[in-house]
Amino acid sequence: MESQFADNNKFVAISLQIVNRSRHHVTYLSKIQMEYNTVITANKSKFQMQMENRSEHYVTDIEKESQYADDSKCVTNSNAIKITVIIHISQRAITS
């Protein structure tokens, strides 16, 4: 196992997008912890993230979708990871 900071020539570019697919406004969503457990291989990196919901509504599901793609800013053996967090809010929790 190798850290992405072990070599200055190797790093992983990470972009995060949050998509609210519910019909309700999410007032605040905060990233509280990001853990990088990175294995730099030809086509794989591991990324873990935890999020905290501080909105008024109950978030029923937070989904992570990882895509591995080439990025000009990355070296040959690194990958760009795109993570989409999809928020589903329960109608029952809002009306209660």
N, C-alpha and C. Protein backbone atom coordinates (compact mmCIF):
# COMPACT_ATOMS: atom_id res chain seq x y z
N MET A 1 0.85 -1.19 0.00
CA MET A 1 0.00 0.00 0.00
C MET A 1 0.88 1.24 0.00
N GLU A 2 0.42 2.24 -0.70
CA GLU A 2 1.24 3.42 -0.91
C GLU A 2 0.37 4.66 -0.76
N SER A 3 0.82 5.63 -0.03
CA SER A 3 0.07 6.87 0.11
C SER A 3 0.23 7.73 -1.13
N GLN A 4 -0.81 8.52 -1.42
CA GLN A 4 -0.69 9.40 -2.58
C GLN A 4 0.31 10.53 -2.32
N PHE A 5 0.73 10.69 -1.07
CA PHE A 5 1.71 11.72 -0.75
C PHE A 5 3.13 11.16 -0.63
N ALA A 6 3.28 9.87 -0.87
CA ALA A 6 4.59 9.25 -0.71
C ALA A 6 5.58 9.75 -1.76
N ASP A 7 5.08 10.09 -2.91
CA ASP A 7 5.94 10.54 -4.00
C ASP A 7 5.33 11.82 -4.57
N ASN A 8 6.10 12.87 -4.68
CA ASN A 8 5.57 14.13 -5.17
C ASN A 8 5.05 14.05 -6.60
N ASN A 9 5.47 13.03 -7.33
CA ASN A 9 5.04 12.88 -8.71
C ASN A 9 3.74 12.10 -8.84
N LYS A 10 3.22 11.61 -7.73
CA LYS A 10 2.00 10.82 -7.78
C LYS A 10 0.94 11.45 -6.89
N PHE A 11 -0.23 11.65 -7.44
CA PHE A 11 -1.33 12.13 -6.62
C PHE A 11 -2.64 11.76 -7.29
N VAL A 12 -3.71 11.86 -6.54
CA VAL A 12 -5.04 11.54 -7.06
C VAL A 12 -5.87 12.81 -7.02
N ALA A 13 -6.47 13.15 -8.16
CA ALA A 13 -7.35 14.32 -8.22
C ALA A 13 -8.76 13.89 -7.86
N ILE A 14 -9.39 14.60 -6.95
CA ILE A 14 -10.72 14.23 -6.47
C ILE A 14 -11.66 15.41 -6.66
N SER A 15 -12.79 15.18 -7.30
CA SER A 15 -13.82 16.20 -7.38
C SER A 15 -15.10 15.65 -6.76
N LEU A 16 -15.83 16.49 -6.08
CA LEU A 16 -17.04 16.08 -5.35
C LEU A 16 -18.21 16.89 -5.85
N GLN A 17 -19.30 16.20 -6.13
CA GLN A 17 -20.52 16.87 -6.56
C GLN A 17 -21.66 16.36 -5.71
N ILE A 18 -22.48 17.26 -5.20
CA ILE A 18 -23.64 16.88 -4.39
C ILE A 18 -24.89 17.19 -5.20
N VAL A 19 -25.74 16.18 -5.37
CA VAL A 19 -26.96 16.32 -6.15
C VAL A 19 -28.15 16.05 -5.24
N ASN A 20 -29.02 17.02 -5.09
CA ASN A 20 -30.24 16.84 -4.31
C ASN A 20 -31.36 16.51 -5.28
N ARG A 21 -31.79 15.24 -5.29
CA ARG A 21 -32.84 14.82 -6.20
C ARG A 21 -34.21 14.80 -5.53
N SER A 22 -34.30 15.29 -4.33
CA SER A 22 -35.60 15.38 -3.68
C SER A 22 -36.28 16.67 -4.11
N ARG A 23 -37.53 16.84 -3.68
CA ARG A 23 -38.25 18.07 -4.00
C ARG A 23 -38.09 19.11 -2.90
N HIS A 24 -37.23 18.86 -1.96
CA HIS A 24 -37.12 19.72 -0.79
C HIS A 24 -35.74 20.33 -0.68
N HIS A 25 -35.69 21.49 -0.08
CA HIS A 25 -34.44 22.21 0.06
C HIS A 25 -33.62 21.63 1.21
N VAL A 26 -32.38 21.35 0.95
CA VAL A 26 -31.47 20.92 2.01
C VAL A 26 -30.73 22.16 2.50
N THR A 27 -30.93 22.49 3.77
CA THR A 27 -30.41 23.76 4.26
C THR A 27 -28.91 23.75 4.48
N TYR A 28 -28.37 22.61 4.88
CA TYR A 28 -26.94 22.58 5.18
C TYR A 28 -26.44 21.15 5.15
N LEU A 29 -25.39 20.92 4.42
CA LEU A 29 -24.78 19.60 4.38
C LEU A 29 -23.29 19.79 4.47
N SER A 30 -22.68 19.21 5.49
CA SER A 30 -21.28 19.50 5.78
C SER A 30 -20.44 18.24 5.65
N LYS A 31 -19.28 18.39 5.05
CA LYS A 31 -18.32 17.29 5.03
C LYS A 31 -17.58 17.32 6.36
N ILE A 32 -17.66 16.25 7.12
CA ILE A 32 -16.98 16.24 8.41
C ILE A 32 -15.73 15.39 8.41
N GLN A 33 -15.63 14.45 7.49
CA GLN A 33 -14.44 13.60 7.52
C GLN A 33 -14.16 13.07 6.13
N MET A 34 -12.91 13.14 5.75
CA MET A 34 -12.47 12.51 4.52
C MET A 34 -11.27 11.65 4.85
N GLU A 35 -11.33 10.42 4.44
CA GLU A 35 -10.22 9.51 4.67
C GLU A 35 -9.70 9.05 3.32
N TYR A 36 -8.41 9.17 3.14
CA TYR A 36 -7.80 8.73 1.90
C TYR A 36 -7.05 7.43 2.18
N ASN A 37 -7.60 6.34 1.69
CA ASN A 37 -6.90 5.06 1.73
C ASN A 37 -6.57 4.73 0.29
N THR A 38 -5.45 5.19 -0.15
CA THR A 38 -5.15 5.17 -1.57
C THR A 38 -4.15 4.08 -1.90
N VAL A 39 -4.53 3.26 -2.82
CA VAL A 39 -3.62 2.27 -3.38
C VAL A 39 -3.37 2.69 -4.82
N ILE A 40 -2.16 3.12 -5.09
CA ILE A 40 -1.85 3.61 -6.42
C ILE A 40 -1.43 2.43 -7.28
N THR A 41 -2.32 2.02 -8.16
CA THR A 41 -2.04 0.95 -9.10
C THR A 41 -2.39 1.47 -10.49
N ALA A 42 -2.37 0.59 -11.46
CA ALA A 42 -2.63 1.02 -12.83
C ALA A 42 -4.04 1.57 -13.00
N ASN A 43 -5.01 1.03 -12.29
CA ASN A 43 -6.38 1.45 -12.55
C ASN A 43 -7.27 1.49 -11.31
N LYS A 44 -6.71 1.60 -10.10
CA LYS A 44 -7.54 1.55 -8.92
C LYS A 44 -7.09 2.50 -7.83
N SER A 45 -8.03 3.19 -7.22
CA SER A 45 -7.77 3.94 -5.99
C SER A 45 -9.00 3.80 -5.10
N LYS A 46 -8.77 3.79 -3.79
CA LYS A 46 -9.88 3.67 -2.86
C LYS A 46 -10.11 5.02 -2.19
N PHE A 47 -11.37 5.40 -2.06
CA PHE A 47 -11.70 6.68 -1.45
C PHE A 47 -12.89 6.47 -0.52
N GLN A 48 -12.79 6.94 0.70
CA GLN A 48 -13.89 6.82 1.65
C GLN A 48 -14.25 8.21 2.17
N MET A 49 -15.55 8.45 2.36
CA MET A 49 -15.99 9.75 2.81
C MET A 49 -17.20 9.58 3.73
N GLN A 50 -17.26 10.39 4.76
CA GLN A 50 -18.44 10.44 5.62
C GLN A 50 -19.00 11.85 5.57
N MET A 51 -20.34 11.94 5.59
CA MET A 51 -20.98 13.25 5.56
C MET A 51 -21.99 13.34 6.69
N GLU A 52 -22.22 14.56 7.15
CA GLU A 52 -23.17 14.81 8.22
C GLU A 52 -24.31 15.65 7.66
N ASN A 53 -25.54 15.26 7.95
CA ASN A 53 -26.71 16.00 7.51
C ASN A 53 -27.13 16.96 8.61
N ARG A 54 -27.05 18.26 8.34
CA ARG A 54 -27.50 19.26 9.31
C ARG A 54 -28.74 19.99 8.81
N SER A 55 -29.41 19.40 7.84
CA SER A 55 -30.63 20.02 7.33
C SER A 55 -31.79 19.73 8.28
N GLU A 56 -32.94 20.32 7.99
CA GLU A 56 -34.12 20.08 8.81
C GLU A 56 -34.78 18.76 8.46
N HIS A 57 -34.32 18.10 7.42
CA HIS A 57 -35.01 16.94 6.89
C HIS A 57 -34.13 15.71 7.01
N TYR A 58 -34.80 14.58 7.09
CA TYR A 58 -34.11 13.31 7.22
C TYR A 58 -33.59 12.86 5.86
N VAL A 59 -32.32 12.55 5.79
CA VAL A 59 -31.74 12.05 4.56
C VAL A 59 -31.74 10.53 4.63
N THR A 60 -32.49 9.91 3.72
CA THR A 60 -32.66 8.46 3.79
C THR A 60 -31.51 7.71 3.15
N ASP A 61 -30.85 8.31 2.19
CA ASP A 61 -29.85 7.55 1.45
C ASP A 61 -28.82 8.51 0.88
N ILE A 62 -27.57 8.21 1.12
CA ILE A 62 -26.48 8.94 0.48
C ILE A 62 -25.68 7.91 -0.30
N GLU A 63 -25.57 8.16 -1.59
CA GLU A 63 -25.02 7.17 -2.50
C GLU A 63 -23.71 7.68 -3.06
N LYS A 64 -22.75 6.81 -3.14
CA LYS A 64 -21.46 7.20 -3.72
C LYS A 64 -21.27 6.46 -5.03
N GLU A 65 -20.96 7.21 -6.06
CA GLU A 65 -20.67 6.61 -7.35
C GLU A 65 -19.25 7.01 -7.72
N SER A 66 -18.40 6.04 -7.89
CA SER A 66 -17.01 6.32 -8.22
C SER A 66 -16.76 6.02 -9.69
N GLN A 67 -16.08 6.91 -10.33
CA GLN A 67 -15.67 6.69 -11.71
C GLN A 67 -14.18 6.91 -11.78
N TYR A 68 -13.51 6.01 -12.45
CA TYR A 68 -12.07 6.13 -12.62
C TYR A 68 -11.81 6.61 -14.04
N ALA A 69 -11.10 7.70 -14.17
CA ALA A 69 -10.87 8.27 -15.50
C ALA A 69 -9.47 8.85 -15.55
N ASP A 70 -8.96 8.95 -16.75
CA ASP A 70 -7.65 9.57 -16.94
C ASP A 70 -7.78 11.08 -16.76
N ASP A 71 -6.77 11.68 -16.21
CA ASP A 71 -6.76 13.12 -16.01
C ASP A 71 -5.37 13.63 -16.36
N SER A 72 -5.31 14.73 -17.08
CA SER A 72 -4.02 15.23 -17.53
C SER A 72 -3.13 15.66 -16.38
N LYS A 73 -3.74 15.96 -15.21
CA LYS A 73 -2.96 16.39 -14.06
C LYS A 73 -2.37 15.21 -13.30
N CYS A 74 -2.80 14.00 -13.63
CA CYS A 74 -2.34 12.82 -12.91
C CYS A 74 -1.26 12.10 -13.71
N VAL A 75 -0.41 11.43 -12.99
CA VAL A 75 0.63 10.65 -13.66
C VAL A 75 0.03 9.32 -14.13
N THR A 76 0.82 8.55 -14.82
CA THR A 76 0.33 7.35 -15.50
C THR A 76 -0.43 6.40 -14.57
N ASN A 77 0.08 6.19 -13.37
CA ASN A 77 -0.52 5.19 -12.51
C ASN A 77 -1.54 5.75 -11.53
N SER A 78 -1.91 7.00 -11.69
CA SER A 78 -2.93 7.58 -10.81
C SER A 78 -4.24 7.71 -11.57
N ASN A 79 -5.30 7.99 -10.82
CA ASN A 79 -6.63 8.11 -11.40
C ASN A 79 -7.33 9.32 -10.83
N ALA A 80 -8.23 9.89 -11.62
CA ALA A 80 -9.12 10.94 -11.12
C ALA A 80 -10.41 10.26 -10.66
N ILE A 81 -10.82 10.56 -9.45
CA ILE A 81 -12.02 9.94 -8.89
C ILE A 81 -13.12 11.00 -8.83
N LYS A 82 -14.24 10.71 -9.44
CA LYS A 82 -15.39 11.61 -9.37
C LYS A 82 -16.45 10.94 -8.51
N ILE A 83 -16.87 11.63 -7.47
CA ILE A 83 -17.84 11.06 -6.53
C ILE A 83 -19.10 11.91 -6.55
N THR A 84 -20.23 11.28 -6.77
CA THR A 84 -21.51 11.97 -6.74
C THR A 84 -22.27 11.53 -5.50
N VAL A 85 -22.67 12.48 -4.68
CA VAL A 85 -23.47 12.18 -3.50
C VAL A 85 -24.91 12.56 -3.82
N ILE A 86 -25.78 11.57 -3.82
CA ILE A 86 -27.18 11.78 -4.16
C ILE A 86 -28.01 11.74 -2.88
N ILE A 87 -28.82 12.77 -2.67
CA ILE A 87 -29.59 12.91 -1.44
C ILE A 87 -31.05 12.56 -1.71
N HIS A 88 -31.56 11.59 -0.96
CA HIS A 88 -32.98 11.25 -1.02
C HIS A 88 -33.58 11.63 0.33
N ILE A 89 -34.62 12.44 0.33
CA ILE A 89 -35.21 12.91 1.58
C ILE A 89 -36.59 12.28 1.74
N SER A 90 -36.85 11.78 2.93
CA SER A 90 -38.11 11.09 3.21
C SER A 90 -39.25 12.08 3.39
N GLN A 91 -40.33 11.90 2.64
CA GLN A 91 -41.52 12.75 2.79
C GLN A 91 -42.13 12.57 4.17
N ARG A 92 -42.11 11.35 4.67
CA ARG A 92 -42.69 11.05 5.99
C ARG A 92 -41.97 11.83 7.08
N ALA A 93 -40.66 11.94 6.99
CA ALA A 93 -39.90 12.66 8.01
C ALA A 93 -40.19 14.16 7.97
N ILE A 94 -40.52 14.67 6.79
CA ILE A 94 -40.77 16.11 6.66
C ILE A 94 -42.12 16.48 7.24
N THR A 95 -43.13 15.64 7.03
CA THR A 95 -44.48 15.98 7.48
C THR A 95 -44.68 15.71 8.96
N SER A 96 -43.78 14.96 9.57
CA SER A 96 -43.95 14.65 11.00
C SER A 96 -43.46 15.79 11.86
